[in-house]
Protein backbone atom coordinates (compact mmCIF):
# COMPACT_ATOMS: atom_id res chain seq x y z
CA MET A 1 -20.80 8.63 61.49
CA LEU A 2 -17.34 10.05 60.71
CA GLY A 3 -18.19 12.97 58.64
CA GLN A 4 -16.20 12.16 55.78
CA ALA A 5 -18.01 12.67 52.16
CA ARG A 6 -19.09 9.65 50.71
CA ASN A 7 -16.97 10.27 47.46
CA THR A 8 -13.69 10.38 49.61
CA GLN A 9 -13.83 6.61 50.21
CA ARG A 10 -11.56 4.36 47.59
CA ARG A 11 -11.36 0.26 47.78
CA SER A 12 -7.55 0.02 47.36
CA HIS A 13 -6.54 -1.79 44.16
CA GLU A 14 -5.72 -5.81 44.78
CA THR A 15 -3.44 -6.62 41.94
CA SER A 16 -3.55 -10.14 40.52
CA PRO A 17 -0.42 -12.09 39.80
CA GLU A 18 -1.42 -12.76 36.23
CA GLU A 19 -1.52 -9.32 36.04
CA LEU A 20 1.97 -8.90 37.29
CA ARG A 21 3.14 -11.78 35.19
CA LEU A 22 1.20 -9.34 32.22
CA ALA A 23 3.05 -6.20 33.18
CA ALA A 24 6.42 -7.79 33.31
CA ASP A 25 6.54 -9.18 30.21
CA ILE A 26 5.13 -6.00 28.35
CA THR A 27 7.98 -3.97 30.12
CA THR A 28 10.26 -6.41 28.97
CA LEU A 29 9.30 -6.25 25.74
CA ALA A 30 9.27 -2.76 25.52
CA THR A 31 12.26 -2.32 27.10
CA ARG A 32 13.91 -4.60 24.34
CA TYR A 33 12.18 -3.20 21.23
CA GLY A 34 12.50 0.16 23.01
CA ARG A 35 10.61 2.04 19.34
CA TYR A 36 8.06 0.24 19.74
CA GLY A 37 3.91 1.31 20.36
CA TYR A 38 1.61 -0.70 22.94
CA ARG A 39 -0.53 -2.33 19.45
CA ARG A 40 2.73 -3.78 17.99
CA ILE A 41 3.73 -5.09 21.77
CA THR A 42 -0.04 -6.54 21.73
CA ALA A 43 0.68 -8.51 18.66
CA LEU A 44 4.06 -9.74 20.83
CA LEU A 45 2.44 -10.33 23.88
CA GLN A 46 0.07 -13.10 21.25
CA ASP A 47 2.20 -14.39 19.56
CA LYS A 48 3.62 -15.81 23.23
CA GLY A 49 0.02 -17.03 24.16
CA TRP A 50 -1.18 -14.16 26.11
CA GLN A 51 -4.74 -14.03 25.71
CA VAL A 52 -4.80 -10.08 25.82
CA ASN A 53 -6.10 -7.36 23.48
CA HIS A 54 -4.49 -3.49 23.08
CA LYS A 55 -7.06 -2.16 25.30
CA ARG A 56 -5.79 -4.07 28.04
CA VAL A 57 -2.21 -3.98 26.64
CA GLU A 58 -2.29 0.12 26.89
CA ARG A 59 -3.60 0.45 30.64
CA ILE A 60 -0.86 -1.40 31.92
CA TRP A 61 1.30 0.42 29.53
CA ARG A 62 0.22 4.00 31.26
CA GLN A 63 0.07 2.91 34.17
CA GLU A 64 3.95 2.01 34.02
CA GLY A 65 4.94 4.63 32.91
CA LEU A 66 5.89 3.97 29.68
CA LYS A 67 5.09 6.45 26.31
CA VAL A 68 2.82 6.01 24.05
CA PRO A 69 4.58 7.21 20.86
CA GLN A 70 2.78 10.10 18.89
CA LYS A 71 0.75 8.71 15.84
CA GLN A 72 2.99 10.30 12.52
CA PRO A 73 1.08 12.37 10.21
CA LYS A 74 0.01 10.80 6.79
CA ARG A 75 2.05 11.75 3.96
CA GLY A 76 -0.21 13.03 0.59
CA ARG A 77 0.14 11.52 -3.13
CA LEU A 78 1.54 12.89 -6.00
CA TRP A 79 -1.69 11.92 -8.00
CA LEU A 80 -2.62 12.98 -11.99
CA ASN A 81 -5.71 15.03 -13.37
CA ASP A 82 -7.33 11.83 -13.76
CA GLY A 83 -7.13 11.09 -10.68
CA SER A 84 -4.52 8.16 -10.92
CA CYS A 85 -1.34 7.73 -8.74
CA ILE A 86 1.53 8.18 -10.81
CA ARG A 87 3.39 5.40 -8.44
CA LEU A 88 2.90 1.85 -9.26
CA ARG A 89 1.44 -0.17 -6.48
CA PRO A 90 2.25 -3.62 -6.26
CA GLU A 91 -0.17 -6.25 -6.98
CA HIS A 92 1.25 -9.19 -5.72
CA LYS A 93 4.78 -11.09 -4.81
CA ASP A 94 8.27 -10.04 -6.71
CA HIS A 95 5.90 -7.77 -8.78
CA VAL A 96 7.64 -4.74 -7.46
CA TRP A 97 10.80 -4.57 -5.56
CA SER A 98 12.68 -1.28 -4.66
CA TYR A 99 16.29 -0.46 -3.20
CA ASP A 100 18.21 2.45 -2.17
CA PHE A 101 20.63 3.49 0.14
CA VAL A 102 21.75 4.37 3.46
CA VAL A 103 24.38 6.21 5.13
CA SER A 104 26.32 5.91 8.74
CA ARG A 105 29.12 6.01 10.33
CA THR A 106 31.62 3.81 12.91
CA ALA A 107 32.72 5.06 16.09
CA ASP A 108 36.27 6.53 13.96
CA GLY A 109 33.55 8.95 12.07
CA ARG A 110 34.23 6.82 8.69
CA ALA A 111 31.32 6.43 6.71
CA PHE A 112 29.83 3.26 5.11
CA LYS A 113 26.81 2.54 3.25
CA ILE A 114 24.32 0.02 3.05
CA LEU A 115 22.59 -1.09 0.51
CA THR A 116 18.54 -2.21 1.18
CA ILE A 117 16.34 -4.08 -1.04
CA LEU A 118 12.59 -4.69 -0.04
CA ASP A 119 9.61 -6.31 -1.35
CA GLU A 120 7.49 -3.46 -1.98
CA TYR A 121 3.93 -6.01 -1.77
CA THR A 122 5.01 -8.92 1.17
CA ARG A 123 7.05 -5.81 2.79
CA GLU A 124 9.63 -8.16 3.17
CA CYS A 125 13.61 -7.17 3.12
CA LEU A 126 15.47 -9.34 1.02
CA ALA A 127 18.62 -8.27 1.64
CA ILE A 128 21.50 -5.63 2.95
CA LEU A 129 24.19 -5.05 1.78
CA VAL A 130 26.91 -3.11 4.29
CA GLU A 131 30.00 -1.93 2.94
CA ARG A 132 32.41 1.36 2.71
CA ARG A 133 31.93 1.32 -1.03
CA ILE A 134 29.17 0.39 -3.33
CA THR A 135 29.30 0.43 -7.27
CA ALA A 136 26.85 -0.31 -9.46
CA GLN A 137 29.17 -3.63 -9.86
CA ASP A 138 28.12 -4.75 -6.25
CA VAL A 139 24.24 -4.06 -7.32
CA ILE A 140 24.57 -6.54 -10.13
CA ASP A 141 26.26 -8.57 -7.94
CA GLN A 142 23.45 -8.22 -4.94
CA LEU A 143 20.29 -8.83 -7.31
CA PHE A 144 21.62 -11.39 -9.59
CA ASN A 145 22.50 -13.56 -5.89
CA LEU A 146 18.53 -12.41 -5.19
CA PHE A 147 17.30 -13.50 -8.88
CA VAL A 148 18.77 -17.26 -8.54
CA LEU A 149 17.38 -17.70 -4.61
CA ARG A 150 14.23 -15.95 -5.04
CA SER A 151 13.51 -14.61 -8.64
CA ILE A 152 13.14 -12.37 -10.59
CA PRO A 153 10.72 -9.28 -10.34
CA GLU A 154 8.62 -7.51 -13.00
CA HIS A 155 9.62 -4.28 -11.72
CA ILE A 156 12.04 -2.68 -9.56
CA ARG A 157 12.17 0.77 -8.36
CA SER A 158 14.62 3.05 -7.43
CA ASP A 159 16.11 7.24 -7.43
CA ASN A 160 18.36 8.75 -9.42
CA GLY A 161 21.45 7.43 -7.69
CA PRO A 162 24.62 7.37 -9.91
CA GLU A 163 24.80 2.99 -8.93
CA PHE A 164 21.43 2.83 -9.84
CA THR A 165 20.71 4.42 -12.89
CA ALA A 166 24.60 3.19 -14.67
CA ARG A 167 24.50 1.83 -17.90
CA GLU A 168 25.37 -1.15 -16.99
CA VAL A 169 22.80 -1.81 -14.61
CA ARG A 170 20.06 -0.70 -16.86
CA ARG A 171 21.04 -2.63 -19.71
CA TRP A 172 21.51 -5.69 -17.56
CA LEU A 173 18.19 -5.66 -16.11
CA SER A 174 16.56 -4.97 -19.40
CA ARG A 175 17.95 -8.18 -21.00
CA LEU A 176 16.42 -9.87 -17.83
CA GLY A 177 12.98 -8.40 -18.77
CA VAL A 178 13.19 -6.23 -15.55
CA LYS A 179 11.44 -2.83 -16.06
CA THR A 180 13.07 -0.01 -14.04
CA LEU A 181 11.15 2.42 -12.63
CA PHE A 182 12.97 6.02 -11.81
CA ILE A 183 11.48 8.31 -8.96
CA GLU A 184 11.30 12.23 -9.91
CA PRO A 185 14.00 14.03 -8.60
CA GLY A 186 14.30 15.04 -4.74
CA SER A 187 10.37 13.61 -4.77
CA PRO A 188 11.15 10.45 -2.13
CA TRP A 189 7.37 10.28 -1.49
CA GLU A 190 7.51 8.38 -4.91
CA ASN A 191 9.30 5.89 -3.71
CA GLY A 192 7.45 5.42 -0.04
CA TYR A 193 8.01 2.08 0.82
CA ILE A 194 11.61 1.41 0.69
CA GLU A 195 11.64 5.22 2.31
CA SER A 196 9.51 3.39 5.56
CA PHE A 197 11.63 0.87 5.70
CA ASN A 198 14.81 2.64 5.99
CA GLY A 199 13.37 5.30 8.87
CA LYS A 200 12.77 2.36 11.01
CA LEU A 201 16.11 0.72 10.30
CA ARG A 202 17.38 3.67 11.45
CA ASP A 203 15.07 4.80 14.13
CA GLU A 204 15.13 1.18 15.57
CA LEU A 205 18.65 0.84 15.39
CA LEU A 206 20.80 3.14 13.46
CA ASN A 207 20.34 5.99 16.22
CA ARG A 208 20.83 3.77 19.16
CA GLU A 209 24.03 1.69 18.71
CA ILE A 210 27.55 2.90 18.48
CA PHE A 211 29.58 0.43 15.58
CA THR A 212 32.82 -0.07 16.75
CA THR A 213 33.97 -1.75 13.26
CA LEU A 214 32.53 -2.28 10.03
CA GLN A 215 32.31 -5.89 10.78
CA GLU A 216 30.09 -5.59 14.00
CA ALA A 217 27.77 -3.03 12.02
CA LYS A 218 27.76 -6.01 9.75
CA VAL A 219 26.63 -8.36 12.35
CA LEU A 220 24.20 -5.93 13.89
CA ILE A 221 22.46 -5.03 11.07
CA ALA A 222 21.82 -8.68 9.93
CA ASP A 223 20.45 -9.77 13.52
CA TRP A 224 18.14 -6.99 12.91
CA ARG A 225 16.85 -7.82 9.03
CA LYS A 226 16.31 -11.21 10.51
CA GLU A 227 14.35 -9.78 13.27
CA TYR A 228 12.44 -7.27 10.79
CA ASN A 229 11.34 -10.28 8.75
CA GLN A 230 10.29 -12.66 11.34
CA VAL A 231 9.33 -11.44 14.09
CA ARG A 232 8.43 -7.39 13.84
CA PRO A 233 4.58 -6.90 13.86
CA HIS A 234 3.73 -5.13 10.61
CA SER A 235 1.04 -2.99 11.12
CA SER A 236 0.04 -3.06 7.23
CA LEU A 237 -0.30 -6.92 7.36
CA GLY A 238 -2.20 -7.49 10.39
CA TYR A 239 0.59 -6.75 13.18
CA LYS A 240 2.13 -10.32 11.60
CA PRO A 241 6.05 -9.95 10.59
CA PRO A 242 6.95 -9.96 6.94
CA ALA A 243 8.26 -13.49 6.71
CA PRO A 244 7.17 -15.66 9.91
CA GLU A 245 10.07 -17.81 11.08
CA ALA A 246 7.55 -20.94 11.00
CA ILE A 247 6.75 -19.86 7.26
CA LEU A 248 10.32 -19.91 5.90
CA VAL A 249 11.27 -23.35 7.81
CA ALA A 250 8.18 -24.88 6.23
CA GLY A 251 9.62 -23.63 2.70
CA LEU A 252 12.87 -25.34 3.50
CA THR A 253 12.02 -28.47 4.08
């Protein structure tokens, strides 16, 4: 009767109150965790009690105009002729630890160093030390505290930095029975676990904050470490955090 094609008619979409609350929660989480994709946001929503899968979250994510981060290309491994991988793979908790340095700056342009220590199997960040200058003795002191409070690992992996290859560090670790694994110079992919962690630290915190003082940097980095261990969903752990707060509390009781 109207002379209009049938395919031009559309039913207006009615959004339910539940959908509006879900969209609001997604936007809030995406604003707080600016570098998380919809899959990690889905895991956080499920922890909050939402019965929702990643497909629904992705649909709302796109409707709200949120950016879906591009997938990172997978890096190749360094293999031997017999098909085995040079890198020792962690098999259980405290099997292989790794540590490395990250450098950042305060607002006045002065540099400070960050020592990060990671359990490669659990992906838990065991400690982060932030100072203007970190010596080999500082590395020993930090490891000593972890050995007393946690456990002594079987192996510890690092690059060939002077703080890690120092004679006193190697002798001290040898006396405790800890085997050192030094990667080939110029081959950071052989220390992939800690390199990946350091990339997340820089992407999610260091590149987004202006540290006016060293103390401010220490506080914010310590808060981020706690969030990484207890809240941040980890894709290789089934989108669960490395050390959920409930487990930590249960272990203290």
